[in-house]
Amino acid sequence: MIEQNFAVDSNPEVEISCSSGSVIVESGAPGTVGVTIDSRHPEGWTVRQSGNSIAISYERSFLEFDRGGRARIRVVAPDGSTLRVNSASADIRASLDLDRVTIASASGDLQLGDVATADLKTASGDITLGRVDRDLTARSASGDIRVESVGGQTSVTTASGDVAVGRAEGSLSASSASGDVRVTRYLGDDLESSTMSGDLAIGLPAGRTVKLSARTLSGAVRLPDRKPSNASEGQPVSIRLKSVSGDITIRRLD
């Protein structure tokens, strides 16, 4: 077991490199970062501080094929921290408000709270987020992607999972090979979404002027009833939707 505490300035950076296990990042008092590592081989782990950055990593020992890189890592850091994680197969959960987040994982679920910006990649795990203040990039080969809201640009892709975005304010690109794509409330001006064998559903506030391209080979296209044109209607929005064997639905919101 490793337990260490570090004095930091505001908004520290935490970088974690691990093979498997779990990573939990929680909110703590300003000015300090606490690190706990529960591992069968604690001697293989290093925790270093360089200025305002804390780096946690596993150095391979002479036991080349051991599983010493598996660990339960817990970090307690101030809200507003930057988080970077590189993992082979660890589940990652962060419950604090983060600034920039960059995560690459071969297999593992990613669960985050509110962040400023996020760049997330996992080969076979689900991605779940709260609010993203600015831009979001999320990629999963075989998992679902869910986010409550995005204030900037959104780019999300999954090969065999569903995509669900609660609220999006900037340009949005969302695709899935064999899953549904649902955007509950779209407030931006450019949306592109596609799926091979899933449904597409978009919610738009009333009063938007829509430039629409919607194509599906073997599904239905459902659009809200047209209303008389009004020169004072809200901002225009360009929407391009494509599905091979799923339905396309656009809902007018109150």
C-alpha atoms as a PDB file:
ATOM      1  CA  MET A   1       0.000   0.000   0.000  1.00  0.00           C
ATOM      2  CA  ILE A   2       1.246   3.462  -0.936  1.00  0.00           C
ATOM      3  CA  GLU A   3      -0.147   6.610   0.690  1.00  0.00           C
ATOM      4  CA  GLN A   4       1.318  10.009  -0.119  1.00  0.00           C
ATOM      5  CA  ASN A   5       0.218  13.647   0.047  1.00  0.00           C
ATOM      6  CA  PHE A   6       1.589  16.543  -2.007  1.00  0.00           C
ATOM      7  CA  ALA A   7       1.317  20.305  -1.621  1.00  0.00           C
ATOM      8  CA  VAL A   8       0.245  21.957  -4.900  1.00  0.00           C
ATOM      9  CA  ASP A   9      -0.911  25.301  -6.228  1.00  0.00           C
ATOM     10  CA  SER A  10      -4.400  25.805  -7.582  1.00  0.00           C
ATOM     11  CA  ASN A  11      -5.521  23.585 -10.486  1.00  0.00           C
ATOM     12  CA  PRO A  12      -2.844  20.863 -10.381  1.00  0.00           C
ATOM     13  CA  GLU A  13      -2.265  18.278 -13.100  1.00  0.00           C
ATOM     14  CA  VAL A  14      -2.578  14.560 -12.323  1.00  0.00           C
ATOM     15  CA  GLU A  15      -1.204  11.984 -14.775  1.00  0.00           C
ATOM     16  CA  ILE A  16      -1.821   8.254 -14.279  1.00  0.00           C
ATOM     17  CA  SER A  17      -0.431   5.296 -16.234  1.00  0.00           C
ATOM     18  CA  CYS A  18      -1.663   1.835 -15.246  1.00  0.00           C
ATOM     19  CA  SER A  19      -2.423  -1.516 -16.820  1.00  0.00           C
ATOM     20  CA  SER A  20      -5.578  -2.713 -15.046  1.00  0.00           C
ATOM     21  CA  GLY A  21      -7.688  -2.313 -11.940  1.00  0.00           C
ATOM     22  CA  SER A  22      -9.544   0.870 -11.063  1.00  0.00           C
ATOM     23  CA  VAL A  23      -8.911   4.602 -10.829  1.00  0.00           C
ATOM     24  CA  ILE A  24     -11.056   6.766  -8.562  1.00  0.00           C
ATOM     25  CA  VAL A  25     -10.577  10.542  -8.435  1.00  0.00           C
ATOM     26  CA  GLU A  26     -12.442  12.471  -5.753  1.00  0.00           C
ATOM     27  CA  SER A  27     -12.769  16.075  -4.647  1.00  0.00           C
ATOM     28  CA  GLY A  28     -10.510  17.307  -1.883  1.00  0.00           C
ATOM     29  CA  ALA A  29      -9.264  20.474  -0.224  1.00  0.00           C
ATOM     30  CA  PRO A  30      -7.445  23.105  -2.291  1.00  0.00           C
ATOM     31  CA  GLY A  31      -3.657  23.026  -2.149  1.00  0.00           C
ATOM     32  CA  THR A  32      -3.156  19.281  -1.727  1.00  0.00           C
ATOM     33  CA  VAL A  33      -3.265  16.050  -3.717  1.00  0.00           C
ATOM     34  CA  GLY A  34      -3.537  12.706  -1.947  1.00  0.00           C
ATOM     35  CA  VAL A  35      -2.577   9.423  -3.633  1.00  0.00           C
ATOM     36  CA  THR A  36      -3.383   5.905  -2.419  1.00  0.00           C
ATOM     37  CA  ILE A  37      -2.298   2.816  -4.365  1.00  0.00           C
ATOM     38  CA  ASP A  38      -3.435  -0.648  -3.303  1.00  0.00           C
ATOM     39  CA  SER A  39      -1.317  -3.165  -5.227  1.00  0.00           C
ATOM     40  CA  ARG A  40       0.236  -6.592  -4.783  1.00  0.00           C
ATOM     41  CA  HIS A  41       3.530  -5.062  -5.930  1.00  0.00           C
ATOM     42  CA  PRO A  42       3.768  -1.561  -4.436  1.00  0.00           C
ATOM     43  CA  GLU A  43       7.523  -1.568  -5.045  1.00  0.00           C
ATOM     44  CA  GLY A  44       6.857  -1.330  -8.784  1.00  0.00           C
ATOM     45  CA  TRP A  45       4.934   1.938  -8.522  1.00  0.00           C
ATOM     46  CA  THR A  46       6.335   5.452  -8.617  1.00  0.00           C
ATOM     47  CA  VAL A  47       4.594   8.665  -7.565  1.00  0.00           C
ATOM     48  CA  ARG A  48       6.494  11.822  -8.474  1.00  0.00           C
ATOM     49  CA  GLN A  49       5.865  15.528  -8.164  1.00  0.00           C
ATOM     50  CA  SER A  50       7.251  18.039 -10.635  1.00  0.00           C
ATOM     51  CA  GLY A  51       6.071  21.544  -9.871  1.00  0.00           C
ATOM     52  CA  ASN A  52       2.295  21.478  -9.963  1.00  0.00           C
ATOM     53  CA  SER A  53       2.098  18.031 -11.614  1.00  0.00           C
ATOM     54  CA  ILE A  54       1.714  14.628  -9.988  1.00  0.00           C
ATOM     55  CA  ALA A  55       2.671  11.557 -12.059  1.00  0.00           C
ATOM     56  CA  ILE A  56       1.638   8.018 -11.068  1.00  0.00           C
ATOM     57  CA  SER A  57       3.016   5.072 -13.017  1.00  0.00           C
ATOM     58  CA  TYR A  58       3.984   1.404 -12.801  1.00  0.00           C
ATOM     59  CA  GLU A  59       7.526   0.467 -13.787  1.00  0.00           C
ATOM     60  CA  ARG A  60       7.801  -3.110 -15.070  1.00  0.00           C
ATOM     61  CA  SER A  61       9.903  -5.230 -12.763  1.00  0.00           C
ATOM     62  CA  PHE A  62      12.174  -8.106 -13.674  1.00  0.00           C
ATOM     63  CA  LEU A  63       9.078 -10.304 -13.400  1.00  0.00           C
ATOM     64  CA  GLU A  64       8.171  -9.492 -16.969  1.00  0.00           C
ATOM     65  CA  PHE A  65       4.909 -11.408 -17.015  1.00  0.00           C
ATOM     66  CA  ASP A  66       3.612 -10.613 -13.551  1.00  0.00           C
ATOM     67  CA  ARG A  67       0.393  -8.723 -12.961  1.00  0.00           C
ATOM     68  CA  GLY A  68       1.928  -6.116 -10.747  1.00  0.00           C
ATOM     69  CA  GLY A  69       0.451  -3.324 -12.825  1.00  0.00           C
ATOM     70  CA  ARG A  70      -3.013  -4.140 -11.529  1.00  0.00           C
ATOM     71  CA  ALA A  71      -3.993  -1.779  -8.733  1.00  0.00           C
ATOM     72  CA  ARG A  72      -6.717   0.227  -7.062  1.00  0.00           C
ATOM     73  CA  ILE A  73      -5.681   3.856  -7.359  1.00  0.00           C
ATOM     74  CA  ARG A  74      -7.440   6.616  -5.426  1.00  0.00           C
ATOM     75  CA  VAL A  75      -6.599  10.276  -5.935  1.00  0.00           C
ATOM     76  CA  VAL A  76      -8.055  13.134  -3.910  1.00  0.00           C
ATOM     77  CA  ALA A  77      -7.528  16.449  -5.708  1.00  0.00           C
ATOM     78  CA  PRO A  78      -9.008  19.960  -5.767  1.00  0.00           C
ATOM     79  CA  ASP A  79     -11.848  20.838  -8.099  1.00  0.00           C
ATOM     80  CA  GLY A  80     -10.496  22.357 -11.316  1.00  0.00           C
ATOM     81  CA  SER A  81      -7.641  19.850 -11.640  1.00  0.00           C
ATOM     82  CA  THR A  82      -6.443  18.499 -14.986  1.00  0.00           C
ATOM     83  CA  LEU A  83      -6.557  14.696 -15.385  1.00  0.00           C
ATOM     84  CA  ARG A  84      -4.687  12.482 -17.846  1.00  0.00           C
ATOM     85  CA  VAL A  85      -5.009   8.695 -17.744  1.00  0.00           C
ATOM     86  CA  ASN A  86      -3.485   6.002 -19.947  1.00  0.00           C
ATOM     87  CA  SER A  87      -4.743   2.516 -19.118  1.00  0.00           C
ATOM     88  CA  ALA A  88      -4.986  -0.934 -20.649  1.00  0.00           C
ATOM     89  CA  SER A  89      -8.091  -2.176 -18.831  1.00  0.00           C
ATOM     90  CA  ALA A  90      -8.971  -0.050 -15.818  1.00  0.00           C
ATOM     91  CA  ASP A  91     -12.367   1.358 -14.905  1.00  0.00           C
ATOM     92  CA  ILE A  92     -12.049   5.103 -14.303  1.00  0.00           C
ATOM     93  CA  ARG A  93     -14.403   7.199 -12.194  1.00  0.00           C
ATOM     94  CA  ALA A  94     -14.052  10.878 -11.315  1.00  0.00           C
ATOM     95  CA  SER A  95     -16.633  12.615  -9.134  1.00  0.00           C
ATOM     96  CA  LEU A  96     -15.063  16.082  -8.890  1.00  0.00           C
ATOM     97  CA  ASP A  97     -15.288  19.064 -11.250  1.00  0.00           C
ATOM     98  CA  LEU A  98     -12.325  18.827 -13.621  1.00  0.00           C
ATOM     99  CA  ASP A  99     -10.695  21.237 -16.069  1.00  0.00           C
ATOM    100  CA  ARG A 100      -9.124  19.313 -18.970  1.00  0.00           C
ATOM    101  CA  VAL A 101      -9.513  15.533 -19.167  1.00  0.00           C
ATOM    102  CA  THR A 102      -7.627  13.203 -21.514  1.00  0.00           C
ATOM    103  CA  ILE A 103      -8.195   9.453 -21.177  1.00  0.00           C
ATOM    104  CA  ALA A 104      -7.090   6.544 -23.373  1.00  0.00           C
ATOM    105  CA  SER A 105      -8.139   3.043 -22.323  1.00  0.00           C
ATOM    106  CA  ALA A 106      -8.152  -0.244 -24.213  1.00  0.00           C
ATOM    107  CA  SER A 107     -11.007  -1.669 -22.158  1.00  0.00           C
ATOM    108  CA  GLY A 108     -12.752  -0.057 -19.246  1.00  0.00           C
ATOM    109  CA  ASP A 109     -15.724   2.125 -18.378  1.00  0.00           C
ATOM    110  CA  LEU A 110     -15.225   5.882 -18.016  1.00  0.00           C
ATOM    111  CA  GLN A 111     -17.511   7.785 -15.657  1.00  0.00           C
ATOM    112  CA  LEU A 112     -16.924  11.508 -15.136  1.00  0.00           C
ATOM    113  CA  GLY A 113     -18.792  14.368 -13.515  1.00  0.00           C
ATOM    114  CA  ASP A 114     -18.596  17.942 -14.826  1.00  0.00           C
ATOM    115  CA  VAL A 115     -15.552  18.906 -16.919  1.00  0.00           C
ATOM    116  CA  ALA A 116     -14.372  21.895 -18.953  1.00  0.00           C
ATOM    117  CA  THR A 117     -13.049  19.922 -21.951  1.00  0.00           C
ATOM    118  CA  ALA A 118     -12.677  16.186 -22.581  1.00  0.00           C
ATOM    119  CA  ASP A 119     -10.880  13.912 -25.054  1.00  0.00           C
ATOM    120  CA  LEU A 120     -11.870  10.313 -24.285  1.00  0.00           C
ATOM    121  CA  LYS A 121     -11.085   7.022 -26.023  1.00  0.00           C
ATOM    122  CA  THR A 122     -11.897   3.456 -24.979  1.00  0.00           C
ATOM    123  CA  ALA A 123     -11.970   0.336 -27.137  1.00  0.00           C
ATOM    124  CA  SER A 124     -14.595  -1.625 -25.209  1.00  0.00           C
ATOM    125  CA  GLY A 125     -16.182   0.429 -22.473  1.00  0.00           C
ATOM    126  CA  ASP A 126     -19.031   2.821 -21.777  1.00  0.00           C
ATOM    127  CA  ILE A 127     -18.448   6.573 -21.465  1.00  0.00           C
ATOM    128  CA  THR A 128     -20.664   8.611 -19.133  1.00  0.00           C
ATOM    129  CA  LEU A 129     -20.296  12.333 -18.432  1.00  0.00           C
ATOM    130  CA  GLY A 130     -22.118  15.146 -16.719  1.00  0.00           C
ATOM    131  CA  ARG A 131     -21.750  18.679 -18.063  1.00  0.00           C
ATOM    132  CA  VAL A 132     -18.984  19.581 -20.541  1.00  0.00           C
ATOM    133  CA  ASP A 133     -18.494  23.352 -20.561  1.00  0.00           C
ATOM    134  CA  ARG A 134     -16.521  23.558 -23.806  1.00  0.00           C
ATOM    135  CA  ASP A 135     -15.559  20.830 -26.322  1.00  0.00           C
ATOM    136  CA  LEU A 136     -16.027  17.051 -26.171  1.00  0.00           C
ATOM    137  CA  THR A 137     -14.399  14.298 -28.227  1.00  0.00           C
ATOM    138  CA  ALA A 138     -15.406  10.738 -27.286  1.00  0.00           C
ATOM    139  CA  ARG A 139     -14.642   7.453 -29.059  1.00  0.00           C
ATOM    140  CA  SER A 140     -15.680   3.913 -28.131  1.00  0.00           C
ATOM    141  CA  ALA A 141     -15.455   0.785 -30.261  1.00  0.00           C
ATOM    142  CA  SER A 142     -18.091  -1.210 -28.389  1.00  0.00           C
ATOM    143  CA  GLY A 143     -19.694   0.896 -25.700  1.00  0.00           C
ATOM    144  CA  ASP A 144     -22.408   3.467 -25.060  1.00  0.00           C
ATOM    145  CA  ILE A 145     -21.661   7.201 -24.853  1.00  0.00           C
ATOM    146  CA  ARG A 146     -23.865   9.379 -22.647  1.00  0.00           C
ATOM    147  CA  VAL A 147     -23.413  13.047 -21.782  1.00  0.00           C
ATOM    148  CA  GLU A 148     -25.784  15.442 -20.037  1.00  0.00           C
ATOM    149  CA  SER A 149     -24.782  18.632 -21.871  1.00  0.00           C
ATOM    150  CA  VAL A 150     -22.025  20.140 -24.027  1.00  0.00           C
ATOM    151  CA  GLY A 151     -21.413  23.867 -24.312  1.00  0.00           C
ATOM    152  CA  GLY A 152     -18.965  23.728 -27.250  1.00  0.00           C
ATOM    153  CA  GLN A 153     -18.276  21.390 -30.146  1.00  0.00           C
ATOM    154  CA  THR A 154     -19.265  17.722 -29.821  1.00  0.00           C
ATOM    155  CA  SER A 155     -17.722  14.796 -31.713  1.00  0.00           C
ATOM    156  CA  VAL A 156     -18.780  11.325 -30.558  1.00  0.00           C
ATOM    157  CA  THR A 157     -18.372   7.950 -32.277  1.00  0.00           C
ATOM    158  CA  THR A 158     -19.115   4.382 -31.241  1.00  0.00           C
ATOM    159  CA  ALA A 159     -19.070   1.244 -33.371  1.00  0.00           C
ATOM    160  CA  SER A 160     -21.611  -0.896 -31.508  1.00  0.00           C
ATOM    161  CA  GLY A 161     -23.243   1.240 -28.845  1.00  0.00           C
ATOM    162  CA  ASP A 162     -25.814   3.975 -28.342  1.00  0.00           C
ATOM    163  CA  VAL A 163     -25.108   7.712 -28.222  1.00  0.00           C
ATOM    164  CA  ALA A 164     -27.230   9.941 -25.967  1.00  0.00           C
ATOM    165  CA  VAL A 165     -26.668  13.691 -25.624  1.00  0.00           C
ATOM    166  CA  GLY A 166     -28.996  15.625 -23.354  1.00  0.00           C
ATOM    167  CA  ARG A 167     -28.250  19.180 -24.510  1.00  0.00           C
ATOM    168  CA  ALA A 168     -25.779  20.448 -27.117  1.00  0.00           C
ATOM    169  CA  GLU A 169     -25.060  24.108 -27.854  1.00  0.00           C
ATOM    170  CA  GLY A 170     -22.303  23.935 -30.500  1.00  0.00           C
ATOM    171  CA  SER A 171     -21.744  21.983 -33.689  1.00  0.00           C
ATOM    172  CA  LEU A 172     -22.351  18.261 -33.232  1.00  0.00           C
ATOM    173  CA  SER A 173     -21.148  15.154 -35.053  1.00  0.00           C
ATOM    174  CA  ALA A 174     -22.419  11.811 -33.744  1.00  0.00           C
ATOM    175  CA  SER A 175     -22.247   8.377 -35.332  1.00  0.00           C
ATOM    176  CA  SER A 176     -22.782   4.723 -34.463  1.00  0.00           C
ATOM    177  CA  ALA A 177     -22.437   1.645 -36.622  1.00  0.00           C
ATOM    178  CA  SER A 178     -25.123  -0.397 -34.872  1.00  0.00           C
ATOM    179  CA  GLY A 179     -26.704   1.779 -32.204  1.00  0.00           C
ATOM    180  CA  ASP A 180     -29.176   4.601 -31.676  1.00  0.00           C
ATOM    181  CA  VAL A 181     -28.244   8.284 -31.624  1.00  0.00           C
ATOM    182  CA  ARG A 182     -30.453  10.579 -29.542  1.00  0.00           C
ATOM    183  CA  VAL A 183     -30.028  14.304 -28.929  1.00  0.00           C
ATOM    184  CA  THR A 184     -32.703  15.505 -26.524  1.00  0.00           C
ATOM    185  CA  ARG A 185     -32.245  19.259 -27.098  1.00  0.00           C
ATOM    186  CA  TYR A 186     -30.080  20.700 -29.868  1.00  0.00           C
ATOM    187  CA  LEU A 187     -29.349  24.437 -29.697  1.00  0.00           C
ATOM    188  CA  GLY A 188     -26.432  24.720 -32.138  1.00  0.00           C
ATOM    189  CA  ASP A 189     -26.434  25.514 -35.850  1.00  0.00           C
ATOM    190  CA  ASP A 190     -24.802  22.450 -37.467  1.00  0.00           C
ATOM    191  CA  LEU A 191     -25.610  18.806 -36.712  1.00  0.00           C
ATOM    192  CA  GLU A 192     -24.519  15.683 -38.579  1.00  0.00           C
ATOM    193  CA  SER A 193     -25.413  12.163 -37.449  1.00  0.00           C
ATOM    194  CA  SER A 194     -25.390   8.699 -38.972  1.00  0.00           C
ATOM    195  CA  THR A 195     -25.976   5.074 -38.032  1.00  0.00           C
ATOM    196  CA  MET A 196     -26.110   1.817 -39.948  1.00  0.00           C
ATOM    197  CA  SER A 197     -28.750  -0.118 -38.022  1.00  0.00           C
ATOM    198  CA  GLY A 198     -30.106   2.229 -35.374  1.00  0.00           C
ATOM    199  CA  ASP A 199     -32.588   5.065 -34.946  1.00  0.00           C
ATOM    200  CA  LEU A 200     -31.806   8.775 -34.991  1.00  0.00           C
ATOM    201  CA  ALA A 201     -33.845  11.153 -32.821  1.00  0.00           C
ATOM    202  CA  ILE A 202     -33.271  14.917 -32.540  1.00  0.00           C
ATOM    203  CA  GLY A 203     -35.140  17.460 -30.437  1.00  0.00           C
ATOM    204  CA  LEU A 204     -35.240  21.088 -31.658  1.00  0.00           C
ATOM    205  CA  PRO A 205     -36.712  24.128 -29.890  1.00  0.00           C
ATOM    206  CA  ALA A 206     -39.709  25.611 -31.637  1.00  0.00           C
ATOM    207  CA  GLY A 207     -39.068  28.489 -34.013  1.00  0.00           C
ATOM    208  CA  ARG A 208     -35.862  27.253 -35.648  1.00  0.00           C
ATOM    209  CA  THR A 209     -35.398  27.550 -39.402  1.00  0.00           C
ATOM    210  CA  VAL A 210     -34.211  24.099 -40.485  1.00  0.00           C
ATOM    211  CA  LYS A 211     -32.169  23.114 -43.522  1.00  0.00           C
ATOM    212  CA  LEU A 212     -32.669  19.353 -43.463  1.00  0.00           C
ATOM    213  CA  SER A 213     -31.226  16.329 -45.224  1.00  0.00           C
ATOM    214  CA  ALA A 214     -32.655  13.055 -43.859  1.00  0.00           C
ATOM    215  CA  ARG A 215     -32.144   9.699 -45.584  1.00  0.00           C
ATOM    216  CA  THR A 216     -32.923   6.131 -44.548  1.00  0.00           C
ATOM    217  CA  LEU A 217     -33.163   3.047 -46.779  1.00  0.00           C
ATOM    218  CA  SER A 218     -35.566   0.864 -44.816  1.00  0.00           C
ATOM    219  CA  GLY A 219     -36.841   3.063 -41.997  1.00  0.00           C
ATOM    220  CA  ALA A 220     -39.326   5.894 -41.573  1.00  0.00           C
ATOM    221  CA  VAL A 221     -38.674   9.642 -41.461  1.00  0.00           C
ATOM    222  CA  ARG A 222     -40.896  11.455 -38.948  1.00  0.00           C
ATOM    223  CA  LEU A 223     -40.963  15.237 -38.956  1.00  0.00           C
ATOM    224  CA  PRO A 224     -43.062  17.710 -36.945  1.00  0.00           C
ATOM    225  CA  ASP A 225     -45.956  19.456 -38.653  1.00  0.00           C
ATOM    226  CA  ARG A 226     -44.929  22.531 -40.590  1.00  0.00           C
ATOM    227  CA  LYS A 227     -45.942  25.914 -39.275  1.00  0.00           C
ATOM    228  CA  PRO A 228     -46.477  29.078 -41.334  1.00  0.00           C
ATOM    229  CA  SER A 229     -43.179  30.824 -42.072  1.00  0.00           C
ATOM    230  CA  ASN A 230     -42.310  33.790 -39.906  1.00  0.00           C
ATOM    231  CA  ALA A 231     -39.532  36.215 -40.778  1.00  0.00           C
ATOM    232  CA  SER A 232     -38.781  36.724 -37.091  1.00  0.00           C
ATOM    233  CA  GLU A 233     -38.163  33.041 -36.395  1.00  0.00           C
ATOM    234  CA  GLY A 234     -35.030  31.922 -34.582  1.00  0.00           C
ATOM    235  CA  GLN A 235     -31.578  31.121 -35.899  1.00  0.00           C
ATOM    236  CA  PRO A 236     -31.184  28.678 -38.810  1.00  0.00           C
ATOM    237  CA  VAL A 237     -29.850  25.173 -38.229  1.00  0.00           C
ATOM    238  CA  SER A 238     -28.354  22.722 -40.741  1.00  0.00           C
ATOM    239  CA  ILE A 239     -29.133  19.051 -40.007  1.00  0.00           C
ATOM    240  CA  ARG A 240     -27.844  16.043 -41.956  1.00  0.00           C
ATOM    241  CA  LEU A 241     -29.111  12.627 -40.863  1.00  0.00           C
ATOM    242  CA  LYS A 242     -28.487   9.228 -42.435  1.00  0.00           C
ATOM    243  CA  SER A 243     -29.511   5.709 -41.423  1.00  0.00           C
ATOM    244  CA  VAL A 244     -29.491   2.463 -43.379  1.00  0.00           C
ATOM    245  CA  SER A 245     -32.122   0.461 -41.510  1.00  0.00           C
ATOM    246  CA  GLY A 246     -33.440   2.731 -38.765  1.00  0.00           C
ATOM    247  CA  ASP A 247     -36.022   5.433 -38.221  1.00  0.00           C
ATOM    248  CA  ILE A 248     -35.289   9.169 -38.227  1.00  0.00           C
ATOM    249  CA  THR A 249     -37.325  11.401 -35.930  1.00  0.00           C
ATOM    250  CA  ILE A 250     -37.185  15.146 -35.378  1.00  0.00           C
ATOM    251  CA  ARG A 251     -39.265  16.509 -32.497  1.00  0.00           C
ATOM    252  CA  ARG A 252     -40.292  20.112 -31.955  1.00  0.00           C
ATOM    253  CA  LEU A 253     -39.779  21.081 -28.311  1.00  0.00           C
ATOM    254  CA  ASP A 254     -41.747  23.635 -26.341  1.00  0.00           C
END
